[in-house]
Amino acid sequence: MFRALPRGPRVGLWLRGAGLTALAAGGLLLFPHLWTLVTDREQLEAWLAAPRTMGALLLIGLNALQVIVAPLPGALLGWISGYWFGPWWGSLFTWIGVSLGNGLTMAFARILGRPLLLAGLPAHRLERMDRLLQRYGLSLVLIVFLLPLTPDDVLAWAVGLSPLPLGPAFAVSTLARLVHVLITNAVGAYLRSGDPLWLGMAASLSLGALALAWRLSTAARLPLSTLYDDRLA
């Protein structure tokens, strides 16, 4: 026979389940409209070209959402924000949004707990990030968020489930995200102005981020292939 859980843990599990159900229900209701918005470039540009305050708030909200809900195209949002708001204001609005989403992701993971998150996240990727976090700690967080096309969304959830202090992890990941925010907004500024200065800025930042990540991974003895191949680690 199964032993009943004490009342405290049972109440906590019910509360977490209710929170996850509410988030899932809200996501299912909003996702069709949001997906249409962010995948229809003309519609998204029309929203962002609306009164600047409303466009900036929408941009911040969409960037926060794309961190939490990985399928949303973050790079596209960066290009469009750089196009409409310029490289500096666009980067600021984008960075506020992704920082908000980053913090919420880590907090949600810590509040909801592993059993509930495993229902919606790929278990093998989450477990792989767990093992890497245990071995490399904050160095892994910095390297993953500096590199392109890494599973940084899964890592953000894994950080929330790990014993790492959320403050330092949030600060490191947010600073690393700033590099990619500047890159994508510089590309957007180039698309609007045609000035090769912005394209050169994007290329320089990309090379700098890659060089720093390689140097950090070498010092930590972390093979970069580990971050891209699910069969490794």
C-alpha atoms as a PDB file:
ATOM      1  CA  MET A   1       0.000   0.000   0.000  1.00  0.00           C
ATOM      2  CA  PHE A   2       1.128   3.560  -0.703  1.00  0.00           C
ATOM      3  CA  ARG A   3       1.901   5.817   2.215  1.00  0.00           C
ATOM      4  CA  ALA A   4      -0.161   9.005   2.242  1.00  0.00           C
ATOM      5  CA  LEU A   5       1.727  12.240   1.945  1.00  0.00           C
ATOM      6  CA  PRO A   6       1.642  14.606   4.945  1.00  0.00           C
ATOM      7  CA  ARG A   7      -0.925  17.371   4.609  1.00  0.00           C
ATOM      8  CA  GLY A   8       1.666  20.098   3.995  1.00  0.00           C
ATOM      9  CA  PRO A   9       3.299  18.469   0.949  1.00  0.00           C
ATOM     10  CA  ARG A  10      -0.113  17.467  -0.413  1.00  0.00           C
ATOM     11  CA  VAL A  11      -1.401  21.035  -0.220  1.00  0.00           C
ATOM     12  CA  GLY A  12       1.795  22.319  -1.845  1.00  0.00           C
ATOM     13  CA  LEU A  13       1.459  19.783  -4.672  1.00  0.00           C
ATOM     14  CA  TRP A  14      -2.179  20.755  -5.257  1.00  0.00           C
ATOM     15  CA  LEU A  15      -1.279  24.436  -5.341  1.00  0.00           C
ATOM     16  CA  ARG A  16       1.531  23.801  -7.811  1.00  0.00           C
ATOM     17  CA  GLY A  17      -0.757  21.697  -9.952  1.00  0.00           C
ATOM     18  CA  ALA A  18      -3.395  24.428  -9.942  1.00  0.00           C
ATOM     19  CA  GLY A  19      -0.775  27.025 -10.900  1.00  0.00           C
ATOM     20  CA  LEU A  20       0.522  24.906 -13.768  1.00  0.00           C
ATOM     21  CA  THR A  21      -3.016  24.204 -14.973  1.00  0.00           C
ATOM     22  CA  ALA A  22      -3.809  27.929 -14.974  1.00  0.00           C
ATOM     23  CA  LEU A  23      -0.645  28.706 -16.929  1.00  0.00           C
ATOM     24  CA  ALA A  24      -1.351  25.935 -19.437  1.00  0.00           C
ATOM     25  CA  ALA A  25      -4.974  27.048 -19.881  1.00  0.00           C
ATOM     26  CA  GLY A  26      -3.942  30.662 -20.396  1.00  0.00           C
ATOM     27  CA  GLY A  27      -1.269  29.610 -22.863  1.00  0.00           C
ATOM     28  CA  LEU A  28      -3.702  27.471 -24.867  1.00  0.00           C
ATOM     29  CA  LEU A  29      -6.200  30.318 -25.039  1.00  0.00           C
ATOM     30  CA  LEU A  30      -3.680  32.972 -26.046  1.00  0.00           C
ATOM     31  CA  PHE A  31      -1.246  30.934 -28.152  1.00  0.00           C
ATOM     32  CA  PRO A  32      -3.268  30.879 -31.443  1.00  0.00           C
ATOM     33  CA  HIS A  33      -3.554  34.687 -31.400  1.00  0.00           C
ATOM     34  CA  LEU A  34       0.048  35.270 -30.341  1.00  0.00           C
ATOM     35  CA  TRP A  35       1.422  32.768 -32.850  1.00  0.00           C
ATOM     36  CA  THR A  36      -0.471  34.480 -35.674  1.00  0.00           C
ATOM     37  CA  LEU A  37       0.826  37.838 -34.474  1.00  0.00           C
ATOM     38  CA  VAL A  38       4.508  36.909 -34.317  1.00  0.00           C
ATOM     39  CA  THR A  39       4.556  34.836 -37.512  1.00  0.00           C
ATOM     40  CA  ASP A  40       2.699  37.394 -39.644  1.00  0.00           C
ATOM     41  CA  ARG A  41       5.399  39.966 -40.236  1.00  0.00           C
ATOM     42  CA  GLU A  42       3.061  42.615 -41.652  1.00  0.00           C
ATOM     43  CA  GLN A  43       0.696  42.322 -38.680  1.00  0.00           C
ATOM     44  CA  LEU A  44       3.556  42.453 -36.180  1.00  0.00           C
ATOM     45  CA  GLU A  45       5.096  45.472 -37.890  1.00  0.00           C
ATOM     46  CA  ALA A  46       1.716  47.215 -37.841  1.00  0.00           C
ATOM     47  CA  TRP A  47       1.405  46.621 -34.083  1.00  0.00           C
ATOM     48  CA  LEU A  48       4.901  47.857 -33.377  1.00  0.00           C
ATOM     49  CA  ALA A  49       4.459  50.878 -35.638  1.00  0.00           C
ATOM     50  CA  ALA A  50       1.392  51.922 -33.613  1.00  0.00           C
ATOM     51  CA  PRO A  51       1.791  54.588 -30.882  1.00  0.00           C
ATOM     52  CA  ARG A  52       5.346  54.150 -29.612  1.00  0.00           C
ATOM     53  CA  THR A  53       4.462  53.489 -25.979  1.00  0.00           C
ATOM     54  CA  MET A  54       2.023  50.729 -26.903  1.00  0.00           C
ATOM     55  CA  GLY A  55       4.508  49.252 -29.362  1.00  0.00           C
ATOM     56  CA  ALA A  56       7.279  49.264 -26.759  1.00  0.00           C
ATOM     57  CA  LEU A  57       5.052  47.559 -24.166  1.00  0.00           C
ATOM     58  CA  LEU A  58       3.983  44.955 -26.717  1.00  0.00           C
ATOM     59  CA  LEU A  59       7.607  44.330 -27.632  1.00  0.00           C
ATOM     60  CA  ILE A  60       8.594  43.847 -23.981  1.00  0.00           C
ATOM     61  CA  GLY A  61       5.694  41.452 -23.407  1.00  0.00           C
ATOM     62  CA  LEU A  62       6.376  39.385 -26.521  1.00  0.00           C
ATOM     63  CA  ASN A  63      10.065  39.068 -25.675  1.00  0.00           C
ATOM     64  CA  ALA A  64       9.225  37.911 -22.157  1.00  0.00           C
ATOM     65  CA  LEU A  65       6.809  35.369 -23.593  1.00  0.00           C
ATOM     66  CA  GLN A  66       9.267  34.026 -26.157  1.00  0.00           C
ATOM     67  CA  VAL A  67      11.703  33.149 -23.363  1.00  0.00           C
ATOM     68  CA  ILE A  68       9.034  31.222 -21.472  1.00  0.00           C
ATOM     69  CA  VAL A  69       7.421  29.682 -24.576  1.00  0.00           C
ATOM     70  CA  ALA A  70      10.414  28.613 -26.654  1.00  0.00           C
ATOM     71  CA  PRO A  71       8.733  28.231 -30.116  1.00  0.00           C
ATOM     72  CA  LEU A  72       8.186  31.980 -30.416  1.00  0.00           C
ATOM     73  CA  PRO A  73      10.829  33.460 -32.785  1.00  0.00           C
ATOM     74  CA  GLY A  74      13.089  35.579 -30.578  1.00  0.00           C
ATOM     75  CA  ALA A  75      15.491  36.522 -33.388  1.00  0.00           C
ATOM     76  CA  LEU A  76      12.622  37.879 -35.487  1.00  0.00           C
ATOM     77  CA  LEU A  77      11.492  40.066 -32.584  1.00  0.00           C
ATOM     78  CA  GLY A  78      15.038  41.411 -32.226  1.00  0.00           C
ATOM     79  CA  TRP A  79      15.298  42.267 -35.906  1.00  0.00           C
ATOM     80  CA  ILE A  80      11.925  44.016 -35.929  1.00  0.00           C
ATOM     81  CA  SER A  81      12.624  45.952 -32.719  1.00  0.00           C
ATOM     82  CA  GLY A  82      15.919  47.198 -34.161  1.00  0.00           C
ATOM     83  CA  TYR A  83      14.108  48.110 -37.376  1.00  0.00           C
ATOM     84  CA  TRP A  84      11.300  50.100 -35.711  1.00  0.00           C
ATOM     85  CA  PHE A  85      12.909  51.501 -32.584  1.00  0.00           C
ATOM     86  CA  GLY A  86      16.552  51.730 -33.657  1.00  0.00           C
ATOM     87  CA  PRO A  87      19.488  49.725 -32.282  1.00  0.00           C
ATOM     88  CA  TRP A  88      19.619  51.374 -28.850  1.00  0.00           C
ATOM     89  CA  TRP A  89      15.981  51.804 -27.843  1.00  0.00           C
ATOM     90  CA  GLY A  90      15.146  48.521 -29.530  1.00  0.00           C
ATOM     91  CA  SER A  91      17.889  46.757 -27.575  1.00  0.00           C
ATOM     92  CA  LEU A  92      16.675  48.283 -24.310  1.00  0.00           C
ATOM     93  CA  PHE A  93      13.065  47.191 -24.828  1.00  0.00           C
ATOM     94  CA  THR A  94      14.134  43.744 -25.978  1.00  0.00           C
ATOM     95  CA  TRP A  95      16.513  43.297 -23.061  1.00  0.00           C
ATOM     96  CA  ILE A  96      13.860  44.297 -20.527  1.00  0.00           C
ATOM     97  CA  GLY A  97      11.513  41.743 -22.053  1.00  0.00           C
ATOM     98  CA  VAL A  98      13.944  38.830 -22.193  1.00  0.00           C
ATOM     99  CA  SER A  99      15.208  39.636 -18.690  1.00  0.00           C
ATOM    100  CA  LEU A 100      11.644  39.537 -17.387  1.00  0.00           C
ATOM    101  CA  GLY A 101      10.988  36.243 -19.166  1.00  0.00           C
ATOM    102  CA  ASN A 102      14.267  34.813 -17.929  1.00  0.00           C
ATOM    103  CA  GLY A 103      13.483  35.632 -14.306  1.00  0.00           C
ATOM    104  CA  LEU A 104       9.916  34.336 -14.548  1.00  0.00           C
ATOM    105  CA  THR A 105      11.085  31.065 -16.089  1.00  0.00           C
ATOM    106  CA  MET A 106      13.536  30.395 -13.268  1.00  0.00           C
ATOM    107  CA  ALA A 107      10.988  31.419 -10.631  1.00  0.00           C
ATOM    108  CA  PHE A 108       8.220  29.273 -12.153  1.00  0.00           C
ATOM    109  CA  ALA A 109      10.545  26.266 -12.207  1.00  0.00           C
ATOM    110  CA  ARG A 110      11.448  26.709  -8.557  1.00  0.00           C
ATOM    111  CA  ILE A 111       7.819  27.211  -7.501  1.00  0.00           C
ATOM    112  CA  LEU A 112       6.214  24.462  -9.594  1.00  0.00           C
ATOM    113  CA  GLY A 113       8.892  21.814  -9.022  1.00  0.00           C
ATOM    114  CA  ARG A 114      10.254  18.966 -11.114  1.00  0.00           C
ATOM    115  CA  PRO A 115       7.310  16.512 -11.195  1.00  0.00           C
ATOM    116  CA  LEU A 116       4.983  19.052 -12.761  1.00  0.00           C
ATOM    117  CA  LEU A 117       7.520  20.507 -15.204  1.00  0.00           C
ATOM    118  CA  LEU A 118       8.431  17.073 -16.548  1.00  0.00           C
ATOM    119  CA  ALA A 119       4.916  16.877 -17.962  1.00  0.00           C
ATOM    120  CA  GLY A 120       5.681  19.694 -20.399  1.00  0.00           C
ATOM    121  CA  LEU A 121       9.470  19.591 -20.915  1.00  0.00           C
ATOM    122  CA  PRO A 122      11.674  16.993 -22.648  1.00  0.00           C
ATOM    123  CA  ALA A 123      12.908  14.883 -19.739  1.00  0.00           C
ATOM    124  CA  HIS A 124      16.176  13.777 -21.359  1.00  0.00           C
ATOM    125  CA  ARG A 125      17.226  17.368 -22.103  1.00  0.00           C
ATOM    126  CA  LEU A 126      16.310  18.526 -18.634  1.00  0.00           C
ATOM    127  CA  GLU A 127      18.280  15.688 -17.051  1.00  0.00           C
ATOM    128  CA  ARG A 128      21.271  16.457 -19.265  1.00  0.00           C
ATOM    129  CA  MET A 129      21.199  20.102 -18.185  1.00  0.00           C
ATOM    130  CA  ASP A 130      20.934  18.943 -14.559  1.00  0.00           C
ATOM    131  CA  ARG A 131      24.118  16.899 -14.875  1.00  0.00           C
ATOM    132  CA  LEU A 132      25.992  19.709 -16.590  1.00  0.00           C
ATOM    133  CA  LEU A 133      24.844  22.255 -13.995  1.00  0.00           C
ATOM    134  CA  GLN A 134      26.041  20.036 -11.168  1.00  0.00           C
ATOM    135  CA  ARG A 135      29.463  19.826 -12.773  1.00  0.00           C
ATOM    136  CA  TYR A 136      29.998  23.308 -14.198  1.00  0.00           C
ATOM    137  CA  GLY A 137      27.628  25.604 -12.268  1.00  0.00           C
ATOM    138  CA  LEU A 138      27.520  29.265 -13.308  1.00  0.00           C
ATOM    139  CA  SER A 139      30.222  28.709 -15.958  1.00  0.00           C
ATOM    140  CA  LEU A 140      27.719  26.585 -17.876  1.00  0.00           C
ATOM    141  CA  VAL A 141      25.059  29.298 -17.607  1.00  0.00           C
ATOM    142  CA  LEU A 142      27.390  31.950 -19.021  1.00  0.00           C
ATOM    143  CA  ILE A 143      28.672  29.754 -21.859  1.00  0.00           C
ATOM    144  CA  VAL A 144      25.236  28.531 -22.952  1.00  0.00           C
ATOM    145  CA  PHE A 145      23.705  32.013 -23.025  1.00  0.00           C
ATOM    146  CA  LEU A 146      26.676  33.392 -24.971  1.00  0.00           C
ATOM    147  CA  LEU A 147      26.498  30.752 -27.714  1.00  0.00           C
ATOM    148  CA  PRO A 148      23.870  30.619 -30.476  1.00  0.00           C
ATOM    149  CA  LEU A 149      21.452  27.729 -30.973  1.00  0.00           C
ATOM    150  CA  THR A 150      22.073  26.191 -27.550  1.00  0.00           C
ATOM    151  CA  PRO A 151      19.207  24.863 -25.382  1.00  0.00           C
ATOM    152  CA  ASP A 152      19.180  28.016 -23.243  1.00  0.00           C
ATOM    153  CA  ASP A 153      15.415  27.788 -22.734  1.00  0.00           C
ATOM    154  CA  VAL A 154      15.761  24.326 -21.150  1.00  0.00           C
ATOM    155  CA  LEU A 155      18.728  25.554 -19.107  1.00  0.00           C
ATOM    156  CA  ALA A 156      16.652  28.411 -17.660  1.00  0.00           C
ATOM    157  CA  TRP A 157      14.097  25.879 -16.412  1.00  0.00           C
ATOM    158  CA  ALA A 158      16.887  23.607 -15.129  1.00  0.00           C
ATOM    159  CA  VAL A 159      18.453  26.494 -13.185  1.00  0.00           C
ATOM    160  CA  GLY A 160      15.169  27.006 -11.370  1.00  0.00           C
ATOM    161  CA  LEU A 161      15.131  23.326 -10.392  1.00  0.00           C
ATOM    162  CA  SER A 162      18.776  23.299  -9.309  1.00  0.00           C
ATOM    163  CA  PRO A 163      20.239  24.345  -5.938  1.00  0.00           C
ATOM    164  CA  LEU A 164      22.010  27.280  -7.617  1.00  0.00           C
ATOM    165  CA  PRO A 165      21.125  30.675  -6.069  1.00  0.00           C
ATOM    166  CA  LEU A 166      18.710  32.345  -8.466  1.00  0.00           C
ATOM    167  CA  GLY A 167      20.214  35.821  -8.037  1.00  0.00           C
ATOM    168  CA  PRO A 168      23.684  35.092  -9.486  1.00  0.00           C
ATOM    169  CA  ALA A 169      22.265  32.739 -12.127  1.00  0.00           C
ATOM    170  CA  PHE A 170      19.763  35.366 -13.252  1.00  0.00           C
ATOM    171  CA  ALA A 171      22.437  38.086 -13.373  1.00  0.00           C
ATOM    172  CA  VAL A 172      24.886  35.977 -15.384  1.00  0.00           C
ATOM    173  CA  SER A 173      22.290  34.760 -17.893  1.00  0.00           C
ATOM    174  CA  THR A 174      20.778  38.232 -18.310  1.00  0.00           C
ATOM    175  CA  LEU A 175      24.144  39.835 -19.025  1.00  0.00           C
ATOM    176  CA  ALA A 176      24.974  37.096 -21.528  1.00  0.00           C
ATOM    177  CA  ARG A 177      21.595  37.565 -23.235  1.00  0.00           C
ATOM    178  CA  LEU A 178      22.425  41.254 -23.722  1.00  0.00           C
ATOM    179  CA  VAL A 179      25.040  40.268 -26.305  1.00  0.00           C
ATOM    180  CA  HIS A 180      22.455  38.511 -28.491  1.00  0.00           C
ATOM    181  CA  VAL A 181      19.978  41.351 -27.955  1.00  0.00           C
ATOM    182  CA  LEU A 182      22.520  43.836 -29.324  1.00  0.00           C
ATOM    183  CA  ILE A 183      23.347  41.541 -32.254  1.00  0.00           C
ATOM    184  CA  THR A 184      19.756  41.051 -33.402  1.00  0.00           C
ATOM    185  CA  ASN A 185      18.852  44.716 -32.980  1.00  0.00           C
ATOM    186  CA  ALA A 186      21.958  45.771 -34.931  1.00  0.00           C
ATOM    187  CA  VAL A 187      20.771  43.513 -37.769  1.00  0.00           C
ATOM    188  CA  GLY A 188      17.358  45.198 -37.595  1.00  0.00           C
ATOM    189  CA  ALA A 189      18.990  48.630 -37.739  1.00  0.00           C
ATOM    190  CA  TYR A 190      20.972  47.532 -40.804  1.00  0.00           C
ATOM    191  CA  LEU A 191      17.797  46.294 -42.524  1.00  0.00           C
ATOM    192  CA  ARG A 192      16.231  49.744 -42.053  1.00  0.00           C
ATOM    193  CA  SER A 193      19.182  52.012 -42.803  1.00  0.00           C
ATOM    194  CA  GLY A 194      21.424  49.887 -44.992  1.00  0.00           C
ATOM    195  CA  ASP A 195      24.389  51.257 -43.023  1.00  0.00           C
ATOM    196  CA  PRO A 196      27.100  48.541 -42.974  1.00  0.00           C
ATOM    197  CA  LEU A 197      28.248  49.882 -39.591  1.00  0.00           C
ATOM    198  CA  TRP A 198      25.407  47.965 -37.911  1.00  0.00           C
ATOM    199  CA  LEU A 199      26.189  44.795 -39.815  1.00  0.00           C
ATOM    200  CA  GLY A 200      29.820  45.134 -38.754  1.00  0.00           C
ATOM    201  CA  MET A 201      28.724  45.631 -35.152  1.00  0.00           C
ATOM    202  CA  ALA A 202      26.629  42.458 -35.274  1.00  0.00           C
ATOM    203  CA  ALA A 203      29.512  40.480 -36.763  1.00  0.00           C
ATOM    204  CA  SER A 204      32.019  41.816 -34.225  1.00  0.00           C
ATOM    205  CA  LEU A 205      29.770  41.020 -31.264  1.00  0.00           C
ATOM    206  CA  SER A 206      29.111  37.539 -32.628  1.00  0.00           C
ATOM    207  CA  LEU A 207      32.814  36.791 -33.004  1.00  0.00           C
ATOM    208  CA  GLY A 208      33.538  38.246 -29.563  1.00  0.00           C
ATOM    209  CA  ALA A 209      30.819  36.114 -27.932  1.00  0.00           C
ATOM    210  CA  LEU A 210      32.101  32.978 -29.659  1.00  0.00           C
ATOM    211  CA  ALA A 211      35.696  33.707 -28.622  1.00  0.00           C
ATOM    212  CA  LEU A 212      34.717  34.348 -24.996  1.00  0.00           C
ATOM    213  CA  ALA A 213      32.569  31.215 -24.836  1.00  0.00           C
ATOM    214  CA  TRP A 214      35.394  29.136 -26.314  1.00  0.00           C
ATOM    215  CA  ARG A 215      37.872  30.556 -23.802  1.00  0.00           C
ATOM    216  CA  LEU A 216      35.536  29.898 -20.877  1.00  0.00           C
ATOM    217  CA  SER A 217      34.743  26.383 -22.046  1.00  0.00           C
ATOM    218  CA  THR A 218      38.436  25.610 -22.404  1.00  0.00           C
ATOM    219  CA  ALA A 219      39.140  26.853 -18.878  1.00  0.00           C
ATOM    220  CA  ALA A 220      36.215  24.830 -17.499  1.00  0.00           C
ATOM    221  CA  ARG A 221      37.125  21.780 -19.623  1.00  0.00           C
ATOM    222  CA  LEU A 222      33.644  21.717 -21.089  1.00  0.00           C
ATOM    223  CA  PRO A 223      33.494  20.323 -24.665  1.00  0.00           C
ATOM    224  CA  LEU A 224      31.205  22.621 -26.619  1.00  0.00           C
ATOM    225  CA  SER A 225      29.843  19.655 -28.566  1.00  0.00           C
ATOM    226  CA  THR A 226      28.217  18.548 -25.301  1.00  0.00           C
ATOM    227  CA  LEU A 227      25.816  21.475 -25.541  1.00  0.00           C
ATOM    228  CA  TYR A 228      24.541  20.560 -28.992  1.00  0.00           C
ATOM    229  CA  ASP A 229      24.389  16.763 -29.043  1.00  0.00           C
ATOM    230  CA  ASP A 230      21.696  15.064 -26.985  1.00  0.00           C
ATOM    231  CA  ARG A 231      23.634  11.821 -27.143  1.00  0.00           C
ATOM    232  CA  LEU A 232      26.525  13.306 -25.174  1.00  0.00           C
ATOM    233  CA  ALA A 233      26.930  14.247 -21.517  1.00  0.00           C
END
